Amino acid sequence: MRRKEPDSCGFAAALEAIGGKWKTSILWELHLRPHRFAELRRSLGGVSEKMLAQQLRQMEADGLVSRCDHGEVPPRVDYSITPLGLSLNEAVTAMSAWGKYHETWKSGRQEAA
């Protein structure tokens, strides 16, 4: 059995935290303000209820979002971004800027060819 080596640079841990199609979109929506589950699902458009619940559970376990159950009937649960999630959102924003730059660079190279 192969022993898993620790991630010394932290990049793999960051990618794991944002891995999945919806996590960066969820972070972005929650950085604006807290959302209820159905409201978050509507704002994301296209995510299934099952997938959203799964992604939110993973993000809560990773400390990126917090879940507040108000203990009311009918149930009212809010999701909000944590300080750790905000710091990851800043990193994702920087990666997004790089991605836009890279796409511009690639299209410039293709036009020159």
PDB file of N, CA and C in Angstrom:
ATOM      1  N   MET A   1       0.845  -1.177   0.000  1.00  0.00           N
ATOM      2  CA  MET A   1       0.000   0.000   0.000  1.00  0.00           C
ATOM      3  C   MET A   1       0.887   1.235   0.000  1.00  0.00           C
ATOM      4  N   ARG A   2       0.560   2.169  -0.863  1.00  0.00           N
ATOM      5  CA  ARG A   2       1.348   3.383  -0.988  1.00  0.00           C
ATOM      6  C   ARG A   2       0.907   4.421   0.037  1.00  0.00           C
ATOM      7  N   ARG A   3       1.857   4.985   0.730  1.00  0.00           N
ATOM      8  CA  ARG A   3       1.556   6.003   1.735  1.00  0.00           C
ATOM      9  C   ARG A   3       1.361   7.347   1.062  1.00  0.00           C
ATOM     10  N   LYS A   4       0.326   8.039   1.420  1.00  0.00           N
ATOM     11  CA  LYS A   4       0.070   9.357   0.847  1.00  0.00           C
ATOM     12  C   LYS A   4       0.986  10.381   1.512  1.00  0.00           C
ATOM     13  N   GLU A   5       1.774  11.041   0.697  1.00  0.00           N
ATOM     14  CA  GLU A   5       2.686  12.063   1.205  1.00  0.00           C
ATOM     15  C   GLU A   5       1.911  13.344   1.501  1.00  0.00           C
ATOM     16  N   PRO A   6       2.301  14.082   2.527  1.00  0.00           N
ATOM     17  CA  PRO A   6       1.630  15.344   2.812  1.00  0.00           C
ATOM     18  C   PRO A   6       1.893  16.356   1.697  1.00  0.00           C
ATOM     19  N   ASP A   7       0.943  17.216   1.492  1.00  0.00           N
ATOM     20  CA  ASP A   7       1.038  18.256   0.470  1.00  0.00           C
ATOM     21  C   ASP A   7       1.865  19.410   1.037  1.00  0.00           C
ATOM     22  N   SER A   8       3.128  19.456   0.683  1.00  0.00           N
ATOM     23  CA  SER A   8       4.017  20.450   1.281  1.00  0.00           C
ATOM     24  C   SER A   8       3.758  21.856   0.786  1.00  0.00           C
ATOM     25  N   CYS A   9       3.252  22.012  -0.433  1.00  0.00           N
ATOM     26  CA  CYS A   9       3.033  23.370  -0.938  1.00  0.00           C
ATOM     27  C   CYS A   9       1.603  23.849  -0.691  1.00  0.00           C
ATOM     28  N   GLY A  10       0.685  22.949  -0.391  1.00  0.00           N
ATOM     29  CA  GLY A  10      -0.689  23.346  -0.095  1.00  0.00           C
ATOM     30  C   GLY A  10      -1.587  23.470  -1.307  1.00  0.00           C
ATOM     31  N   PHE A  11      -1.021  23.389  -2.496  1.00  0.00           N
ATOM     32  CA  PHE A  11      -1.812  23.578  -3.709  1.00  0.00           C
ATOM     33  C   PHE A  11      -2.860  22.480  -3.884  1.00  0.00           C
ATOM     34  N   ALA A  12      -2.491  21.243  -3.599  1.00  0.00           N
ATOM     35  CA  ALA A  12      -3.443  20.128  -3.731  1.00  0.00           C
ATOM     36  C   ALA A  12      -4.610  20.304  -2.767  1.00  0.00           C
ATOM     37  N   ALA A  13      -4.339  20.773  -1.564  1.00  0.00           N
ATOM     38  CA  ALA A  13      -5.410  21.008  -0.593  1.00  0.00           C
ATOM     39  C   ALA A  13      -6.349  22.101  -1.075  1.00  0.00           C
ATOM     40  N   ALA A  14      -5.795  23.142  -1.680  1.00  0.00           N
ATOM     41  CA  ALA A  14      -6.627  24.222  -2.210  1.00  0.00           C
ATOM     42  C   ALA A  14      -7.491  23.720  -3.358  1.00  0.00           C
ATOM     43  N   LEU A  15      -6.896  22.937  -4.256  1.00  0.00           N
ATOM     44  CA  LEU A  15      -7.670  22.401  -5.373  1.00  0.00           C
ATOM     45  C   LEU A  15      -8.760  21.454  -4.897  1.00  0.00           C
ATOM     46  N   GLU A  16      -8.469  20.683  -3.872  1.00  0.00           N
ATOM     47  CA  GLU A  16      -9.482  19.784  -3.326  1.00  0.00           C
ATOM     48  C   GLU A  16     -10.640  20.574  -2.724  1.00  0.00           C
ATOM     49  N   ALA A  17     -10.340  21.682  -2.074  1.00  0.00           N
ATOM     50  CA  ALA A  17     -11.378  22.496  -1.446  1.00  0.00           C
ATOM     51  C   ALA A  17     -12.304  23.141  -2.475  1.00  0.00           C
ATOM     52  N   ILE A  18     -11.763  23.489  -3.655  1.00  0.00           N
ATOM     53  CA  ILE A  18     -12.600  24.123  -4.673  1.00  0.00           C
ATOM     54  C   ILE A  18     -12.969  23.166  -5.793  1.00  0.00           C
ATOM     55  N   GLY A  19     -12.523  21.896  -5.678  1.00  0.00           N
ATOM     56  CA  GLY A  19     -12.830  20.907  -6.702  1.00  0.00           C
ATOM     57  C   GLY A  19     -14.330  20.684  -6.812  1.00  0.00           C
ATOM     58  N   GLY A  20     -14.784  20.430  -7.987  1.00  0.00           N
ATOM     59  CA  GLY A  20     -16.208  20.250  -8.220  1.00  0.00           C
ATOM     60  C   GLY A  20     -16.742  21.437  -8.999  1.00  0.00           C
ATOM     61  N   LYS A  21     -17.728  21.172  -9.789  1.00  0.00           N
ATOM     62  CA  LYS A  21     -18.243  22.181 -10.717  1.00  0.00           C
ATOM     63  C   LYS A  21     -18.852  23.390 -10.018  1.00  0.00           C
ATOM     64  N   TRP A  22     -19.440  23.202  -8.848  1.00  0.00           N
ATOM     65  CA  TRP A  22     -20.262  24.250  -8.246  1.00  0.00           C
ATOM     66  C   TRP A  22     -19.623  25.008  -7.093  1.00  0.00           C
ATOM     67  N   LYS A  23     -18.540  24.528  -6.535  1.00  0.00           N
ATOM     68  CA  LYS A  23     -18.021  25.136  -5.306  1.00  0.00           C
ATOM     69  C   LYS A  23     -17.598  26.592  -5.484  1.00  0.00           C
ATOM     70  N   THR A  24     -16.949  26.917  -6.579  1.00  0.00           N
ATOM     71  CA  THR A  24     -16.541  28.320  -6.750  1.00  0.00           C
ATOM     72  C   THR A  24     -17.757  29.219  -6.934  1.00  0.00           C
ATOM     73  N   SER A  25     -18.784  28.729  -7.616  1.00  0.00           N
ATOM     74  CA  SER A  25     -20.009  29.513  -7.793  1.00  0.00           C
ATOM     75  C   SER A  25     -20.732  29.703  -6.469  1.00  0.00           C
ATOM     76  N   ILE A  26     -20.748  28.660  -5.647  1.00  0.00           N
ATOM     77  CA  ILE A  26     -21.362  28.761  -4.321  1.00  0.00           C
ATOM     78  C   ILE A  26     -20.615  29.784  -3.475  1.00  0.00           C
ATOM     79  N   LEU A  27     -19.281  29.722  -3.495  1.00  0.00           N
ATOM     80  CA  LEU A  27     -18.477  30.699  -2.738  1.00  0.00           C
ATOM     81  C   LEU A  27     -18.800  32.115  -3.177  1.00  0.00           C
ATOM     82  N   TRP A  28     -18.905  32.312  -4.490  1.00  0.00           N
ATOM     83  CA  TRP A  28     -19.171  33.654  -5.005  1.00  0.00           C
ATOM     84  C   TRP A  28     -20.535  34.156  -4.536  1.00  0.00           C
ATOM     85  N   GLU A  29     -21.548  33.317  -4.652  1.00  0.00           N
ATOM     86  CA  GLU A  29     -22.899  33.734  -4.226  1.00  0.00           C
ATOM     87  C   GLU A  29     -22.940  34.053  -2.735  1.00  0.00           C
ATOM     88  N   LEU A  30     -22.297  33.220  -1.933  1.00  0.00           N
ATOM     89  CA  LEU A  30     -22.350  33.424  -0.488  1.00  0.00           C
ATOM     90  C   LEU A  30     -21.473  34.583  -0.031  1.00  0.00           C
ATOM     91  N   HIS A  31     -20.490  34.975  -0.823  1.00  0.00           N
ATOM     92  CA  HIS A  31     -19.673  36.112  -0.416  1.00  0.00           C
ATOM     93  C   HIS A  31     -20.488  37.402  -0.514  1.00  0.00           C
ATOM     94  N   LEU A  32     -21.523  37.392  -1.347  1.00  0.00           N
ATOM     95  CA  LEU A  32     -22.382  38.565  -1.484  1.00  0.00           C
ATOM     96  C   LEU A  32     -23.278  38.748  -0.263  1.00  0.00           C
ATOM     97  N   ARG A  33     -23.845  37.617   0.213  1.00  0.00           N
ATOM     98  CA  ARG A  33     -24.712  37.622   1.405  1.00  0.00           C
ATOM     99  C   ARG A  33     -25.136  36.198   1.702  1.00  0.00           C
ATOM    100  N   PRO A  34     -25.639  35.922   2.917  1.00  0.00           N
ATOM    101  CA  PRO A  34     -26.143  34.575   3.220  1.00  0.00           C
ATOM    102  C   PRO A  34     -27.352  34.242   2.342  1.00  0.00           C
ATOM    103  N   HIS A  35     -27.534  32.965   2.074  1.00  0.00           N
ATOM    104  CA  HIS A  35     -28.645  32.501   1.262  1.00  0.00           C
ATOM    105  C   HIS A  35     -29.312  31.302   1.929  1.00  0.00           C
ATOM    106  N   ARG A  36     -30.599  31.167   1.694  1.00  0.00           N
ATOM    107  CA  ARG A  36     -31.294  29.935   2.035  1.00  0.00           C
ATOM    108  C   ARG A  36     -31.039  28.946   0.904  1.00  0.00           C
ATOM    109  N   PHE A  37     -31.265  27.660   1.178  1.00  0.00           N
ATOM    110  CA  PHE A  37     -30.943  26.608   0.220  1.00  0.00           C
ATOM    111  C   PHE A  37     -31.631  26.833  -1.130  1.00  0.00           C
ATOM    112  N   ALA A  38     -32.950  27.014  -1.112  1.00  0.00           N
ATOM    113  CA  ALA A  38     -33.701  27.160  -2.368  1.00  0.00           C
ATOM    114  C   ALA A  38     -33.277  28.419  -3.122  1.00  0.00           C
ATOM    115  N   GLU A  39     -33.007  29.466  -2.397  1.00  0.00           N
ATOM    116  CA  GLU A  39     -32.561  30.721  -3.006  1.00  0.00           C
ATOM    117  C   GLU A  39     -31.199  30.538  -3.681  1.00  0.00           C
ATOM    118  N   LEU A  40     -30.317  29.820  -3.016  1.00  0.00           N
ATOM    119  CA  LEU A  40     -28.995  29.540  -3.567  1.00  0.00           C
ATOM    120  C   LEU A  40     -29.118  28.677  -4.826  1.00  0.00           C
ATOM    121  N   ARG A  41     -29.981  27.692  -4.770  1.00  0.00           N
ATOM    122  CA  ARG A  41     -30.187  26.818  -5.938  1.00  0.00           C
ATOM    123  C   ARG A  41     -30.711  27.611  -7.129  1.00  0.00           C
ATOM    124  N   ARG A  42     -31.664  28.510  -6.891  1.00  0.00           N
ATOM    125  CA  ARG A  42     -32.198  29.345  -7.983  1.00  0.00           C
ATOM    126  C   ARG A  42     -31.131  30.266  -8.550  1.00  0.00           C
ATOM    127  N   SER A  43     -30.313  30.834  -7.697  1.00  0.00           N
ATOM    128  CA  SER A  43     -29.299  31.782  -8.173  1.00  0.00           C
ATOM    129  C   SER A  43     -28.197  31.093  -8.973  1.00  0.00           C
ATOM    130  N   LEU A  44     -27.958  29.801  -8.716  1.00  0.00           N
ATOM    131  CA  LEU A  44     -26.917  29.075  -9.439  1.00  0.00           C
ATOM    132  C   LEU A  44     -27.410  28.566 -10.789  1.00  0.00           C
ATOM    133  N   GLY A  45     -28.669  28.247 -10.902  1.00  0.00           N
ATOM    134  CA  GLY A  45     -29.232  27.802 -12.168  1.00  0.00           C
ATOM    135  C   GLY A  45     -28.546  26.573 -12.743  1.00  0.00           C
ATOM    136  N   GLY A  46     -29.230  25.444 -12.760  1.00  0.00           N
ATOM    137  CA  GLY A  46     -28.681  24.243 -13.363  1.00  0.00           C
ATOM    138  C   GLY A  46     -28.150  23.221 -12.384  1.00  0.00           C
ATOM    139  N   VAL A  47     -27.952  23.591 -11.132  1.00  0.00           N
ATOM    140  CA  VAL A  47     -27.455  22.633 -10.144  1.00  0.00           C
ATOM    141  C   VAL A  47     -28.646  21.840  -9.599  1.00  0.00           C
ATOM    142  N   SER A  48     -28.460  20.535  -9.443  1.00  0.00           N
ATOM    143  CA  SER A  48     -29.528  19.716  -8.871  1.00  0.00           C
ATOM    144  C   SER A  48     -29.546  19.899  -7.353  1.00  0.00           C
ATOM    145  N   GLU A  49     -30.676  19.586  -6.755  1.00  0.00           N
ATOM    146  CA  GLU A  49     -30.811  19.689  -5.304  1.00  0.00           C
ATOM    147  C   GLU A  49     -29.808  18.768  -4.613  1.00  0.00           C
ATOM    148  N   LYS A  50     -29.664  17.552  -5.139  1.00  0.00           N
ATOM    149  CA  LYS A  50     -28.739  16.580  -4.562  1.00  0.00           C
ATOM    150  C   LYS A  50     -27.295  17.080  -4.625  1.00  0.00           C
ATOM    151  N   MET A  51     -26.893  17.611  -5.776  1.00  0.00           N
ATOM    152  CA  MET A  51     -25.522  18.091  -5.948  1.00  0.00           C
ATOM    153  C   MET A  51     -25.248  19.289  -5.047  1.00  0.00           C
ATOM    154  N   LEU A  52     -26.194  20.218  -4.971  1.00  0.00           N
ATOM    155  CA  LEU A  52     -26.006  21.388  -4.119  1.00  0.00           C
ATOM    156  C   LEU A  52     -25.864  20.966  -2.660  1.00  0.00           C
ATOM    157  N   ALA A  53     -26.713  20.061  -2.214  1.00  0.00           N
ATOM    158  CA  ALA A  53     -26.625  19.588  -0.826  1.00  0.00           C
ATOM    159  C   ALA A  53     -25.271  18.927  -0.564  1.00  0.00           C
ATOM    160  N   GLN A  54     -24.814  18.121  -1.510  1.00  0.00           N
ATOM    161  CA  GLN A  54     -23.519  17.436  -1.370  1.00  0.00           C
ATOM    162  C   GLN A  54     -22.372  18.440  -1.302  1.00  0.00           C
ATOM    163  N   GLN A  55     -22.372  19.410  -2.204  1.00  0.00           N
ATOM    164  CA  GLN A  55     -21.303  20.410  -2.234  1.00  0.00           C
ATOM    165  C   GLN A  55     -21.308  21.251  -0.955  1.00  0.00           C
ATOM    166  N   LEU A  56     -22.500  21.639  -0.490  1.00  0.00           N
ATOM    167  CA  LEU A  56     -22.590  22.431   0.741  1.00  0.00           C
ATOM    168  C   LEU A  56     -22.089  21.635   1.952  1.00  0.00           C
ATOM    169  N   ARG A  57     -22.416  20.333   2.009  1.00  0.00           N
ATOM    170  CA  ARG A  57     -21.926  19.499   3.121  1.00  0.00           C
ATOM    171  C   ARG A  57     -20.404  19.421   3.112  1.00  0.00           C
ATOM    172  N   GLN A  58     -19.825  19.231   1.919  1.00  0.00           N
ATOM    173  CA  GLN A  58     -18.367  19.168   1.817  1.00  0.00           C
ATOM    174  C   GLN A  58     -17.739  20.498   2.211  1.00  0.00           C
ATOM    175  N   MET A  59     -18.330  21.583   1.763  1.00  0.00           N
ATOM    176  CA  MET A  59     -17.777  22.901   2.070  1.00  0.00           C
ATOM    177  C   MET A  59     -17.920  23.232   3.558  1.00  0.00           C
ATOM    178  N   GLU A  60     -18.998  22.766   4.161  1.00  0.00           N
ATOM    179  CA  GLU A  60     -19.166  22.966   5.603  1.00  0.00           C
ATOM    180  C   GLU A  60     -18.124  22.161   6.366  1.00  0.00           C
ATOM    181  N   ALA A  61     -17.879  20.923   5.931  1.00  0.00           N
ATOM    182  CA  ALA A  61     -16.865  20.076   6.579  1.00  0.00           C
ATOM    183  C   ALA A  61     -15.471  20.680   6.421  1.00  0.00           C
ATOM    184  N   ASP A  62     -15.226  21.380   5.307  1.00  0.00           N
ATOM    185  CA  ASP A  62     -13.927  22.022   5.062  1.00  0.00           C
ATOM    186  C   ASP A  62     -13.816  23.397   5.723  1.00  0.00           C
ATOM    187  N   GLY A  63     -14.893  23.840   6.380  1.00  0.00           N
ATOM    188  CA  GLY A  63     -14.862  25.126   7.080  1.00  0.00           C
ATOM    189  C   GLY A  63     -15.040  26.333   6.177  1.00  0.00           C
ATOM    190  N   LEU A  64     -15.536  26.124   4.955  1.00  0.00           N
ATOM    191  CA  LEU A  64     -15.687  27.228   4.006  1.00  0.00           C
ATOM    192  C   LEU A  64     -17.030  27.926   4.129  1.00  0.00           C
ATOM    193  N   VAL A  65     -18.061  27.186   4.524  1.00  0.00           N
ATOM    194  CA  VAL A  65     -19.387  27.770   4.724  1.00  0.00           C
ATOM    195  C   VAL A  65     -19.913  27.333   6.077  1.00  0.00           C
ATOM    196  N   SER A  66     -20.822  28.116   6.598  1.00  0.00           N
ATOM    197  CA  SER A  66     -21.485  27.732   7.844  1.00  0.00           C
ATOM    198  C   SER A  66     -22.976  27.594   7.571  1.00  0.00           C
ATOM    199  N   ARG A  67     -23.578  26.680   8.297  1.00  0.00           N
ATOM    200  CA  ARG A  67     -25.004  26.382   8.153  1.00  0.00           C
ATOM    201  C   ARG A  67     -25.682  26.771   9.457  1.00  0.00           C
ATOM    202  N   CYS A  68     -26.690  27.622   9.354  1.00  0.00           N
ATOM    203  CA  CYS A  68     -27.410  28.069  10.544  1.00  0.00           C
ATOM    204  C   CYS A  68     -28.854  27.589  10.460  1.00  0.00           C
ATOM    205  N   ASP A  69     -29.198  26.625  11.303  1.00  0.00           N
ATOM    206  CA  ASP A  69     -30.564  26.111  11.383  1.00  0.00           C
ATOM    207  C   ASP A  69     -31.284  26.918  12.459  1.00  0.00           C
ATOM    208  N   HIS A  70     -32.328  27.631  12.069  1.00  0.00           N
ATOM    209  CA  HIS A  70     -33.027  28.506  12.999  1.00  0.00           C
ATOM    210  C   HIS A  70     -34.017  27.758  13.890  1.00  0.00           C
ATOM    211  N   GLY A  71     -34.185  26.454  13.666  1.00  0.00           N
ATOM    212  CA  GLY A  71     -35.061  25.645  14.520  1.00  0.00           C
ATOM    213  C   GLY A  71     -36.514  26.051  14.448  1.00  0.00           C
ATOM    214  N   GLU A  72     -36.955  26.499  13.291  1.00  0.00           N
ATOM    215  CA  GLU A  72     -38.336  26.946  13.121  1.00  0.00           C
ATOM    216  C   GLU A  72     -39.123  25.941  12.299  1.00  0.00           C
ATOM    217  N   VAL A  73     -40.450  26.069  12.369  1.00  0.00           N
ATOM    218  CA  VAL A  73     -41.332  25.294  11.517  1.00  0.00           C
ATOM    219  C   VAL A  73     -42.140  26.296  10.710  1.00  0.00           C
ATOM    220  N   PRO A  74     -42.104  26.235   9.395  1.00  0.00           N
ATOM    221  CA  PRO A  74     -41.307  25.334   8.559  1.00  0.00           C
ATOM    222  C   PRO A  74     -39.811  25.628   8.727  1.00  0.00           C
ATOM    223  N   PRO A  75     -38.994  24.621   8.397  1.00  0.00           N
ATOM    224  CA  PRO A  75     -37.546  24.775   8.607  1.00  0.00           C
ATOM    225  C   PRO A  75     -36.966  25.971   7.850  1.00  0.00           C
ATOM    226  N   ARG A  76     -36.062  26.665   8.525  1.00  0.00           N
ATOM    227  CA  ARG A  76     -35.345  27.777   7.889  1.00  0.00           C
ATOM    228  C   ARG A  76     -33.865  27.599   8.179  1.00  0.00           C
ATOM    229  N   VAL A  77     -33.096  27.402   7.100  1.00  0.00           N
ATOM    230  CA  VAL A  77     -31.660  27.193   7.204  1.00  0.00           C
ATOM    231  C   VAL A  77     -30.971  28.199   6.294  1.00  0.00           C
ATOM    232  N   ASP A  78     -29.993  28.895   6.828  1.00  0.00           N
ATOM    233  CA  ASP A  78     -29.209  29.843   6.042  1.00  0.00           C
ATOM    234  C   ASP A  78     -27.782  29.325   5.909  1.00  0.00           C
ATOM    235  N   TYR A  79     -27.181  29.596   4.757  1.00  0.00           N
ATOM    236  CA  TYR A  79     -25.773  29.284   4.524  1.00  0.00           C
ATOM    237  C   TYR A  79     -25.036  30.595   4.335  1.00  0.00           C
ATOM    238  N   SER A  80     -23.870  30.690   4.963  1.00  0.00           N
ATOM    239  CA  SER A  80     -23.049  31.896   4.802  1.00  0.00           C
ATOM    240  C   SER A  80     -21.585  31.478   4.675  1.00  0.00           C
ATOM    241  N   ILE A  81     -20.808  32.386   4.130  1.00  0.00           N
ATOM    242  CA  ILE A  81     -19.384  32.115   3.938  1.00  0.00           C
ATOM    243  C   ILE A  81     -18.640  32.407   5.242  1.00  0.00           C
ATOM    244  N   THR A  82     -17.647  31.613   5.524  1.00  0.00           N
ATOM    245  CA  THR A  82     -16.822  31.812   6.722  1.00  0.00           C
ATOM    246  C   THR A  82     -15.600  32.663   6.343  1.00  0.00           C
ATOM    247  N   PRO A  83     -14.860  33.158   7.332  1.00  0.00           N
ATOM    248  CA  PRO A  83     -13.625  33.877   7.013  1.00  0.00           C
ATOM    249  C   PRO A  83     -12.650  33.026   6.184  1.00  0.00           C
ATOM    250  N   LEU A  84     -12.594  31.723   6.464  1.00  0.00           N
ATOM    251  CA  LEU A  84     -11.743  30.837   5.670  1.00  0.00           C
ATOM    252  C   LEU A  84     -12.237  30.772   4.223  1.00  0.00           C
ATOM    253  N   GLY A  85     -13.546  30.709   4.052  1.00  0.00           N
ATOM    254  CA  GLY A  85     -14.124  30.710   2.712  1.00  0.00           C
ATOM    255  C   GLY A  85     -13.855  32.011   1.974  1.00  0.00           C
ATOM    256  N   LEU A  86     -13.916  33.131   2.693  1.00  0.00           N
ATOM    257  CA  LEU A  86     -13.594  34.425   2.074  1.00  0.00           C
ATOM    258  C   LEU A  86     -12.153  34.461   1.591  1.00  0.00           C
ATOM    259  N   SER A  87     -11.251  33.903   2.389  1.00  0.00           N
ATOM    260  CA  SER A  87      -9.853  33.910   1.974  1.00  0.00           C
ATOM    261  C   SER A  87      -9.652  33.033   0.737  1.00  0.00           C
ATOM    262  N   LEU A  88     -10.376  31.922   0.648  1.00  0.00           N
ATOM    263  CA  LEU A  88     -10.293  31.081  -0.548  1.00  0.00           C
ATOM    264  C   LEU A  88     -10.902  31.798  -1.745  1.00  0.00           C
ATOM    265  N   ASN A  89     -11.966  32.542  -1.518  1.00  0.00           N
ATOM    266  CA  ASN A  89     -12.602  33.292  -2.595  1.00  0.00           C
ATOM    267  C   ASN A  89     -11.624  34.303  -3.193  1.00  0.00           C
ATOM    268  N   GLU A  90     -10.789  34.905  -2.349  1.00  0.00           N
ATOM    269  CA  GLU A  90      -9.777  35.836  -2.849  1.00  0.00           C
ATOM    270  C   GLU A  90      -8.786  35.117  -3.754  1.00  0.00           C
ATOM    271  N   ALA A  91      -8.398  33.912  -3.366  1.00  0.00           N
ATOM    272  CA  ALA A  91      -7.469  33.132  -4.187  1.00  0.00           C
ATOM    273  C   ALA A  91      -8.118  32.724  -5.503  1.00  0.00           C
ATOM    274  N   VAL A  92      -9.379  32.345  -5.464  1.00  0.00           N
ATOM    275  CA  VAL A  92     -10.099  31.950  -6.680  1.00  0.00           C
ATOM    276  C   VAL A  92     -10.248  33.152  -7.609  1.00  0.00           C
ATOM    277  N   THR A  93     -10.474  34.329  -7.057  1.00  0.00           N
ATOM    278  CA  THR A  93     -10.575  35.546  -7.869  1.00  0.00           C
ATOM    279  C   THR A  93      -9.262  35.799  -8.600  1.00  0.00           C
ATOM    280  N   ALA A  94      -8.139  35.605  -7.916  1.00  0.00           N
ATOM    281  CA  ALA A  94      -6.835  35.772  -8.560  1.00  0.00           C
ATOM    282  C   ALA A  94      -6.642  34.732  -9.665  1.00  0.00           C
ATOM    283  N   MET A  95      -7.068  33.505  -9.422  1.00  0.00           N
ATOM    284  CA  MET A  95      -6.959  32.468 -10.454  1.00  0.00           C
ATOM    285  C   MET A  95      -7.852  32.797 -11.644  1.00  0.00           C
ATOM    286  N   SER A  96      -9.013  33.359 -11.392  1.00  0.00           N
ATOM    287  CA  SER A  96      -9.920  33.749 -12.468  1.00  0.00           C
ATOM    288  C   SER A  96      -9.295  34.840 -13.334  1.00  0.00           C
ATOM    289  N   ALA A  97      -8.668  35.809 -12.700  1.00  0.00           N
ATOM    290  CA  ALA A  97      -7.995  36.879 -13.451  1.00  0.00           C
ATOM    291  C   ALA A  97      -6.881  36.296 -14.313  1.00  0.00           C
ATOM    292  N   TRP A  98      -6.126  35.363 -13.759  1.00  0.00           N
ATOM    293  CA  TRP A  98      -5.067  34.725 -14.528  1.00  0.00           C
ATOM    294  C   TRP A  98      -5.661  33.957 -15.710  1.00  0.00           C
ATOM    295  N   GLY A  99      -6.758  33.238 -15.476  1.00  0.00           N
ATOM    296  CA  GLY A  99      -7.409  32.479 -16.538  1.00  0.00           C
ATOM    297  C   GLY A  99      -7.876  33.375 -17.678  1.00  0.00           C
ATOM    298  N   LYS A 100      -8.420  34.536 -17.349  1.00  0.00           N
ATOM    299  CA  LYS A 100      -8.855  35.487 -18.392  1.00  0.00           C
ATOM    300  C   LYS A 100      -7.652  36.004 -19.175  1.00  0.00           C
ATOM    301  N   TYR A 101      -6.575  36.309 -18.466  1.00  0.00           N
ATOM    302  CA  TYR A 101      -5.351  36.757 -19.115  1.00  0.00           C
ATOM    303  C   TYR A 101      -4.812  35.676 -20.044  1.00  0.00           C
ATOM    304  N   HIS A 102      -4.820  34.446 -19.563  1.00  0.00           N
ATOM    305  CA  HIS A 102      -4.305  33.328 -20.346  1.00  0.00           C
ATOM    306  C   HIS A 102      -5.133  33.116 -21.615  1.00  0.00           C
ATOM    307  N   GLU A 103      -6.439  33.211 -21.510  1.00  0.00           N
ATOM    308  CA  GLU A 103      -7.303  33.063 -22.686  1.00  0.00           C
ATOM    309  C   GLU A 103      -7.012  34.157 -23.707  1.00  0.00           C
ATOM    310  N   THR A 104      -6.814  35.388 -23.239  1.00  0.00           N
ATOM    311  CA  THR A 104      -6.470  36.494 -24.135  1.00  0.00           C
ATOM    312  C   THR A 104      -5.128  36.236 -24.809  1.00  0.00           C
ATOM    313  N   TRP A 105      -4.171  35.760 -24.027  1.00  0.00           N
ATOM    314  CA  TRP A 105      -2.845  35.441 -24.554  1.00  0.00           C
ATOM    315  C   TRP A 105      -2.936  34.354 -25.614  1.00  0.00           C
ATOM    316  N   LYS A 106      -3.711  33.289 -25.328  1.00  0.00           N
ATOM    317  CA  LYS A 106      -3.856  32.190 -26.284  1.00  0.00           C
ATOM    318  C   LYS A 106      -4.513  32.660 -27.579  1.00  0.00           C
ATOM    319  N   SER A 107      -5.565  33.456 -27.465  1.00  0.00           N
ATOM    320  CA  SER A 107      -6.239  33.908 -28.692  1.00  0.00           C
ATOM    321  C   SER A 107      -5.341  34.861 -29.480  1.00  0.00           C
ATOM    322  N   GLY A 108      -4.495  35.643 -28.811  1.00  0.00           N
ATOM    323  CA  GLY A 108      -3.537  36.508 -29.493  1.00  0.00           C
ATOM    324  C   GLY A 108      -2.503  35.698 -30.252  1.00  0.00           C
ATOM    325  N   ARG A 109      -2.068  34.601 -29.682  1.00  0.00           N
ATOM    326  CA  ARG A 109      -1.091  33.726 -30.348  1.00  0.00           C
ATOM    327  C   ARG A 109      -1.712  33.046 -31.556  1.00  0.00           C
ATOM    328  N   GLN A 110      -2.962  32.654 -31.434  1.00  0.00           N
ATOM    329  CA  GLN A 110      -3.630  31.961 -32.537  1.00  0.00           C
ATOM    330  C   GLN A 110      -3.880  32.914 -33.696  1.00  0.00           C
ATOM    331  N   GLU A 111      -4.201  34.159 -33.393  1.00  0.00           N
ATOM    332  CA  GLU A 111      -4.421  35.151 -34.459  1.00  0.00           C
ATOM    333  C   GLU A 111      -3.114  35.488 -35.184  1.00  0.00           C
ATOM    334  N   ALA A 112      -2.011  35.463 -34.432  1.00  0.00           N
ATOM    335  CA  ALA A 112      -0.702  35.785 -35.033  1.00  0.00           C
ATOM    336  C   ALA A 112      -0.193  34.642 -35.914  1.00  0.00           C
ATOM    337  N   ALA A 113      -0.693  33.447 -35.673  1.00  0.00           N
ATOM    338  CA  ALA A 113      -0.194  32.273 -36.437  1.00  0.00           C
ATOM    339  C   ALA A 113      -0.760  32.190 -37.838  1.00  0.00           C
TER     340      ALA A 113
END
